[in-house]
Structure formats: C-alpha cells, structure tokens
Amino acid sequence: MKNFYIYIFILFASLLAFSCVKHQKQIIVYGSSNCHHCTDFLAQLDSANLTYDFRDFMEVENKYDAEMLKKLDEAGFREYIHLPVADVEGQMFVKAEIHEVAEAALAN
C-alpha cells in the first residue's frame, strides 16, 4: 500500500510540474546576420531561453524578404521597416523589442 501512495504522489507531482511549464509560441525573426540590432535581439532571445527560427535575408536570395513583406502587408503594416522583424504566430513586431516578443510568445 505504501508503494501505491508513493506512485500517486509522483504522478501528482509530475502533473503539477508539467502544468506549470509555459508553452512558447513559435517565433520567427527576420533580419540579417550583418545587422547589429538583429544579432543583439537574437542574443536577448537566447538569454531569455526563447526558441526561434532566424531567417537571414543574405542567405537565401530574397526568399525571406518576400515572405516577411507579405506577412507585414497582411498585418496592415505600411510604414518604414526597421529590423529585426519578429513574427509570433502571426503577430508582427517591427524593430522588435525583447519584452514585447517574450510577452506575446508566452501568452496563453
């Protein structure tokens, strides 16, 4: 009977720990590895232990540039674009700031 209570305790503790883990939304960062604003932002994401997919304009001949511009257009953004640009599951951030992106990525 003692083993049964230990098993129930472990199961309950595991479920409680799992429920406390925040699910992170997908983050896509558009920019250039030659842009210090972009590399600083990526370092901040790393420091905050946030995972992301970095899409460098210089690596793939304008493929990511067109992808980013289409998303910004769909989001209604019509102003001058400052890098980095972050996409958190459709929510777009131009001249992305770590606190805004982190809040969006960790929101329920």
N, C-alpha and C. Protein backbone atom coordinates (compact mmCIF):
# COMPACT_ATOMS: atom_id res chain seq x y z
N MET A 1 0.82 -1.19 0.00
CA MET A 1 0.00 0.00 0.00
C MET A 1 0.87 1.27 0.00
N LYS A 2 2.02 1.18 0.68
CA LYS A 2 2.94 2.31 0.73
C LYS A 2 3.41 2.68 -0.67
N ASN A 3 3.71 1.69 -1.50
CA ASN A 3 4.15 1.94 -2.88
C ASN A 3 3.07 2.62 -3.70
N PHE A 4 1.81 2.29 -3.42
CA PHE A 4 0.70 2.91 -4.12
C PHE A 4 0.67 4.41 -3.85
N TYR A 5 0.83 4.80 -2.58
CA TYR A 5 0.82 6.22 -2.22
C TYR A 5 2.03 6.96 -2.81
N ILE A 6 3.15 6.30 -2.85
CA ILE A 6 4.34 6.90 -3.47
C ILE A 6 4.09 7.11 -4.96
N TYR A 7 3.50 6.13 -5.61
CA TYR A 7 3.18 6.23 -7.04
C TYR A 7 2.22 7.39 -7.28
N ILE A 8 1.17 7.50 -6.47
CA ILE A 8 0.19 8.59 -6.61
C ILE A 8 0.87 9.94 -6.39
N PHE A 9 1.74 10.04 -5.39
CA PHE A 9 2.45 11.28 -5.12
C PHE A 9 3.32 11.69 -6.31
N ILE A 10 4.06 10.73 -6.86
CA ILE A 10 4.93 11.03 -8.00
C ILE A 10 4.10 11.45 -9.21
N LEU A 11 3.01 10.78 -9.45
CA LEU A 11 2.13 11.12 -10.57
C LEU A 11 1.58 12.53 -10.39
N PHE A 12 1.09 12.85 -9.20
CA PHE A 12 0.53 14.16 -8.92
C PHE A 12 1.61 15.25 -9.07
N ALA A 13 2.79 15.01 -8.55
CA ALA A 13 3.89 15.99 -8.64
C ALA A 13 4.29 16.22 -10.10
N SER A 14 4.31 15.15 -10.88
CA SER A 14 4.66 15.26 -12.30
C SER A 14 3.62 16.08 -13.05
N LEU A 15 2.36 15.82 -12.79
CA LEU A 15 1.29 16.58 -13.45
C LEU A 15 1.33 18.05 -13.05
N LEU A 16 1.59 18.31 -11.79
CA LEU A 16 1.68 19.69 -11.32
C LEU A 16 2.86 20.41 -11.97
N ALA A 17 4.00 19.77 -12.05
CA ALA A 17 5.18 20.37 -12.68
C ALA A 17 4.93 20.62 -14.16
N PHE A 18 4.29 19.69 -14.84
CA PHE A 18 4.01 19.84 -16.27
C PHE A 18 3.04 20.98 -16.51
N SER A 19 2.07 21.16 -15.64
CA SER A 19 1.08 22.22 -15.84
C SER A 19 1.67 23.60 -15.60
N CYS A 20 2.79 23.68 -14.87
CA CYS A 20 3.43 24.96 -14.59
C CYS A 20 4.34 25.41 -15.73
N VAL A 21 4.68 24.52 -16.64
CA VAL A 21 5.57 24.85 -17.75
C VAL A 21 4.78 25.67 -18.77
N LYS A 22 5.31 26.83 -19.12
CA LYS A 22 4.65 27.67 -20.11
C LYS A 22 4.97 27.17 -21.51
N HIS A 23 3.94 27.11 -22.33
CA HIS A 23 4.13 26.76 -23.73
C HIS A 23 4.54 28.01 -24.49
N GLN A 24 5.59 27.90 -25.27
CA GLN A 24 6.06 29.04 -26.04
C GLN A 24 5.52 28.96 -27.46
N LYS A 25 4.97 30.06 -27.93
CA LYS A 25 4.52 30.13 -29.32
C LYS A 25 5.74 30.23 -30.24
N GLN A 26 5.54 29.89 -31.50
CA GLN A 26 6.64 29.93 -32.47
C GLN A 26 7.05 31.37 -32.76
N ILE A 27 8.35 31.60 -32.73
CA ILE A 27 8.92 32.92 -33.05
C ILE A 27 9.77 32.77 -34.31
N ILE A 28 9.48 33.62 -35.29
CA ILE A 28 10.32 33.72 -36.49
C ILE A 28 10.92 35.12 -36.49
N VAL A 29 12.23 35.21 -36.62
CA VAL A 29 12.91 36.50 -36.65
C VAL A 29 13.48 36.70 -38.04
N TYR A 30 13.11 37.82 -38.67
CA TYR A 30 13.64 38.19 -39.98
C TYR A 30 14.69 39.28 -39.79
N GLY A 31 15.81 39.14 -40.47
CA GLY A 31 16.85 40.14 -40.36
C GLY A 31 18.08 39.73 -41.13
N SER A 32 19.21 40.24 -40.70
CA SER A 32 20.48 39.95 -41.34
C SER A 32 21.53 39.71 -40.26
N SER A 33 22.39 38.75 -40.52
CA SER A 33 23.47 38.49 -39.56
C SER A 33 24.48 39.64 -39.54
N ASN A 34 24.39 40.55 -40.51
CA ASN A 34 25.26 41.72 -40.56
C ASN A 34 24.66 42.92 -39.81
N CYS A 35 23.44 42.77 -39.31
CA CYS A 35 22.73 43.86 -38.62
C CYS A 35 22.94 43.72 -37.12
N HIS A 36 23.59 44.71 -36.48
CA HIS A 36 23.85 44.58 -35.05
C HIS A 36 22.57 44.60 -34.21
N HIS A 37 21.52 45.28 -34.68
CA HIS A 37 20.24 45.25 -33.97
C HIS A 37 19.69 43.83 -33.96
N CYS A 38 19.84 43.15 -35.10
CA CYS A 38 19.35 41.77 -35.23
C CYS A 38 20.14 40.81 -34.34
N THR A 39 21.45 40.90 -34.39
CA THR A 39 22.26 39.98 -33.58
C THR A 39 22.09 40.24 -32.09
N ASP A 40 21.92 41.52 -31.70
CA ASP A 40 21.64 41.84 -30.30
C ASP A 40 20.31 41.24 -29.87
N PHE A 41 19.30 41.34 -30.72
CA PHE A 41 17.97 40.80 -30.41
C PHE A 41 18.03 39.28 -30.28
N LEU A 42 18.76 38.62 -31.17
CA LEU A 42 18.90 37.16 -31.09
C LEU A 42 19.60 36.76 -29.79
N ALA A 43 20.60 37.53 -29.37
CA ALA A 43 21.29 37.26 -28.11
C ALA A 43 20.33 37.41 -26.92
N GLN A 44 19.43 38.39 -27.00
CA GLN A 44 18.44 38.58 -25.94
C GLN A 44 17.46 37.41 -25.90
N LEU A 45 17.06 36.92 -27.06
CA LEU A 45 16.18 35.74 -27.10
C LEU A 45 16.88 34.54 -26.49
N ASP A 46 18.15 34.37 -26.83
CA ASP A 46 18.93 33.27 -26.25
C ASP A 46 19.01 33.40 -24.73
N SER A 47 19.28 34.60 -24.24
CA SER A 47 19.38 34.83 -22.80
C SER A 47 18.06 34.55 -22.08
N ALA A 48 16.95 34.80 -22.79
CA ALA A 48 15.63 34.56 -22.20
C ALA A 48 15.18 33.11 -22.40
N ASN A 49 16.05 32.29 -22.98
CA ASN A 49 15.73 30.87 -23.26
C ASN A 49 14.49 30.70 -24.13
N LEU A 50 14.33 31.60 -25.09
CA LEU A 50 13.23 31.51 -26.04
C LEU A 50 13.77 30.92 -27.34
N THR A 51 13.07 29.94 -27.88
CA THR A 51 13.49 29.34 -29.14
C THR A 51 12.92 30.16 -30.29
N TYR A 52 13.64 30.16 -31.41
CA TYR A 52 13.23 30.95 -32.56
C TYR A 52 13.84 30.37 -33.82
N ASP A 53 13.28 30.80 -34.94
CA ASP A 53 13.80 30.45 -36.26
C ASP A 53 14.28 31.75 -36.89
N PHE A 54 15.59 31.89 -37.11
CA PHE A 54 16.14 33.11 -37.70
C PHE A 54 16.20 32.96 -39.21
N ARG A 55 15.60 33.90 -39.90
CA ARG A 55 15.58 33.89 -41.37
C ARG A 55 16.40 35.08 -41.87
N ASP A 56 17.60 34.76 -42.31
CA ASP A 56 18.57 35.76 -42.74
C ASP A 56 18.35 36.09 -44.21
N PHE A 57 18.14 37.39 -44.50
CA PHE A 57 17.93 37.83 -45.88
C PHE A 57 19.11 37.50 -46.78
N MET A 58 20.31 37.53 -46.22
CA MET A 58 21.51 37.36 -47.01
C MET A 58 21.77 35.91 -47.42
N GLU A 59 21.18 34.96 -46.72
CA GLU A 59 21.45 33.55 -47.01
C GLU A 59 20.67 33.01 -48.20
N VAL A 60 19.42 33.39 -48.32
CA VAL A 60 18.57 32.86 -49.39
C VAL A 60 18.08 34.04 -50.21
N GLU A 61 18.49 34.12 -51.42
CA GLU A 61 18.26 35.24 -52.33
C GLU A 61 16.84 35.80 -52.29
N ASN A 62 16.60 36.69 -51.32
CA ASN A 62 15.35 37.44 -51.17
C ASN A 62 14.12 36.57 -50.88
N LYS A 63 14.29 35.28 -50.66
CA LYS A 63 13.14 34.42 -50.34
C LYS A 63 12.48 34.89 -49.04
N TYR A 64 13.29 35.13 -48.01
CA TYR A 64 12.74 35.52 -46.72
C TYR A 64 12.26 36.96 -46.73
N ASP A 65 12.89 37.80 -47.54
CA ASP A 65 12.48 39.19 -47.66
C ASP A 65 11.03 39.24 -48.16
N ALA A 66 10.73 38.52 -49.22
CA ALA A 66 9.38 38.50 -49.78
C ALA A 66 8.38 37.91 -48.79
N GLU A 67 8.78 36.86 -48.08
CA GLU A 67 7.92 36.23 -47.09
C GLU A 67 7.56 37.22 -45.98
N MET A 68 8.56 37.95 -45.47
CA MET A 68 8.33 38.94 -44.42
C MET A 68 7.44 40.07 -44.91
N LEU A 69 7.71 40.59 -46.11
CA LEU A 69 6.92 41.70 -46.64
C LEU A 69 5.46 41.31 -46.84
N LYS A 70 5.22 40.08 -47.26
CA LYS A 70 3.85 39.59 -47.43
C LYS A 70 3.13 39.55 -46.08
N LYS A 71 3.80 39.04 -45.06
CA LYS A 71 3.19 38.98 -43.72
C LYS A 71 2.90 40.37 -43.18
N LEU A 72 3.84 41.30 -43.37
CA LEU A 72 3.63 42.67 -42.91
C LEU A 72 2.47 43.33 -43.64
N ASP A 73 2.36 43.08 -44.93
CA ASP A 73 1.26 43.63 -45.71
C ASP A 73 -0.08 43.07 -45.22
N GLU A 74 -0.13 41.76 -44.96
CA GLU A 74 -1.35 41.14 -44.46
C GLU A 74 -1.73 41.67 -43.08
N ALA A 75 -0.73 42.06 -42.30
CA ALA A 75 -0.98 42.62 -40.96
C ALA A 75 -1.34 44.10 -41.02
N GLY A 76 -1.29 44.70 -42.23
CA GLY A 76 -1.67 46.09 -42.39
C GLY A 76 -0.55 47.07 -42.09
N PHE A 77 0.68 46.58 -42.03
CA PHE A 77 1.81 47.45 -41.74
C PHE A 77 2.25 48.15 -43.02
N ARG A 78 2.23 49.49 -43.03
CA ARG A 78 2.54 50.25 -44.23
C ARG A 78 3.66 51.27 -44.02
N GLU A 79 4.34 51.22 -42.90
CA GLU A 79 5.37 52.20 -42.59
C GLU A 79 6.75 51.68 -42.98
N TYR A 80 7.76 52.51 -42.74
CA TYR A 80 9.15 52.12 -42.98
C TYR A 80 9.50 50.95 -42.07
N ILE A 81 10.23 49.99 -42.60
CA ILE A 81 10.55 48.78 -41.85
C ILE A 81 11.93 48.91 -41.21
N HIS A 82 11.97 48.68 -39.91
CA HIS A 82 13.22 48.63 -39.15
C HIS A 82 13.43 47.19 -38.71
N LEU A 83 14.65 46.72 -38.83
CA LEU A 83 14.98 45.36 -38.40
C LEU A 83 15.40 45.36 -36.94
N PRO A 84 15.22 44.25 -36.26
CA PRO A 84 14.67 42.98 -36.73
C PRO A 84 13.13 43.02 -36.74
N VAL A 85 12.58 42.12 -37.53
CA VAL A 85 11.13 41.92 -37.56
C VAL A 85 10.86 40.54 -36.98
N ALA A 86 9.93 40.47 -36.05
CA ALA A 86 9.59 39.19 -35.43
C ALA A 86 8.13 38.86 -35.71
N ASP A 87 7.90 37.59 -35.96
CA ASP A 87 6.54 37.06 -36.18
C ASP A 87 6.29 36.03 -35.08
N VAL A 88 5.32 36.33 -34.22
CA VAL A 88 4.94 35.39 -33.17
C VAL A 88 3.55 34.86 -33.55
N GLU A 89 3.56 33.78 -34.31
CA GLU A 89 2.34 33.13 -34.78
C GLU A 89 1.34 34.13 -35.36
N GLY A 90 1.86 35.01 -36.26
CA GLY A 90 1.01 35.96 -36.96
C GLY A 90 0.99 37.36 -36.37
N GLN A 91 1.44 37.52 -35.16
CA GLN A 91 1.54 38.85 -34.56
C GLN A 91 2.91 39.41 -34.92
N MET A 92 2.91 40.52 -35.68
CA MET A 92 4.15 41.06 -36.23
C MET A 92 4.71 42.18 -35.36
N PHE A 93 6.04 42.18 -35.20
CA PHE A 93 6.75 43.19 -34.43
C PHE A 93 7.88 43.75 -35.29
N VAL A 94 7.80 45.04 -35.61
CA VAL A 94 8.84 45.71 -36.39
C VAL A 94 9.75 46.42 -35.41
N LYS A 95 11.07 46.33 -35.67
CA LYS A 95 12.08 46.81 -34.72
C LYS A 95 11.78 46.16 -33.38
N ALA A 96 11.73 44.85 -33.43
CA ALA A 96 11.27 44.02 -32.31
C ALA A 96 12.03 44.30 -31.02
N GLU A 97 11.29 44.35 -29.93
CA GLU A 97 11.85 44.51 -28.59
C GLU A 97 11.61 43.22 -27.83
N ILE A 98 12.59 42.81 -27.04
CA ILE A 98 12.53 41.52 -26.36
C ILE A 98 11.32 41.40 -25.44
N HIS A 99 10.98 42.46 -24.70
CA HIS A 99 9.86 42.35 -23.76
C HIS A 99 8.53 42.13 -24.47
N GLU A 100 8.34 42.77 -25.63
CA GLU A 100 7.09 42.59 -26.39
C GLU A 100 7.00 41.18 -26.98
N VAL A 101 8.09 40.74 -27.56
CA VAL A 101 8.09 39.43 -28.20
C VAL A 101 7.97 38.31 -27.16
N ALA A 102 8.68 38.45 -26.06
CA ALA A 102 8.60 37.44 -25.00
C ALA A 102 7.19 37.36 -24.43
N GLU A 103 6.57 38.51 -24.21
CA GLU A 103 5.20 38.52 -23.67
C GLU A 103 4.24 37.84 -24.64
N ALA A 104 4.37 38.14 -25.93
CA ALA A 104 3.49 37.52 -26.93
C ALA A 104 3.75 36.02 -27.05
N ALA A 105 5.01 35.63 -26.98
CA ALA A 105 5.37 34.22 -27.15
C ALA A 105 4.93 33.37 -25.97
N LEU A 106 4.84 33.96 -24.79
CA LEU A 106 4.48 33.19 -23.60
C LEU A 106 3.02 33.37 -23.18
N ALA A 107 2.29 34.23 -23.90
CA ALA A 107 0.87 34.45 -23.57
C ALA A 107 0.04 33.21 -23.92
N ASN A 108 -1.02 33.01 -23.16
CA ASN A 108 -1.91 31.87 -23.42
C ASN A 108 -2.79 32.10 -24.60
